[in-house]
Amino acid sequence: MVFNLETDNLTIFSTGMAKKNIISAVNFPVAQQTSNIVDMTNEVVTYLATVVTKSSASLSLLNSSTIRVLNSTIYAAPSPLPPTDKTQFFIVINTTFIPNNLITSVTQNGAHVDIVIDTAGLGYELTTINGISVVGKFS
């Protein structure tokens, strides 16, 4: 993986961003700044590498358009990444990939994650949990 990030002990340069002086932005000694950058990079790499598949044993249907992922939590994206949203989740129903534009929402609901599908766009309602898999950012 390439993050296109160059560092030295005073500044960070990132594609499309102006040069920023870290010492003026954050009052940490240089050694601690480097440690913070490494910790942030490790957190970002861990997030990007995390892909969890949930299948029928972990799923239930709340209604004809909502899949509930049981006992799961949406993995929140660390800074500087954009927030985790429906684009980090993929649905497969009976070996057919469901495009992201048919996922209406992915929301945390207590100890579960609810995924609403646009069944009008899909062309049919969900009637059974067998054959459904959800792949995404779950912690």
Foldseek 3Di string as FASTA:
>chain_A
DDQQWDDDLFWIDHPPDDIDGVCVVDVDHSVVVVVVVVVQVVLQVVQVPDKDKDALVQWDAPDQFKIKRAQWDADFHDPPDDTDWLVQKWKWAQNRTDDSVQFPGWADDPRIIMIGGNCVVVVGTHDDRHRMMMMGGID
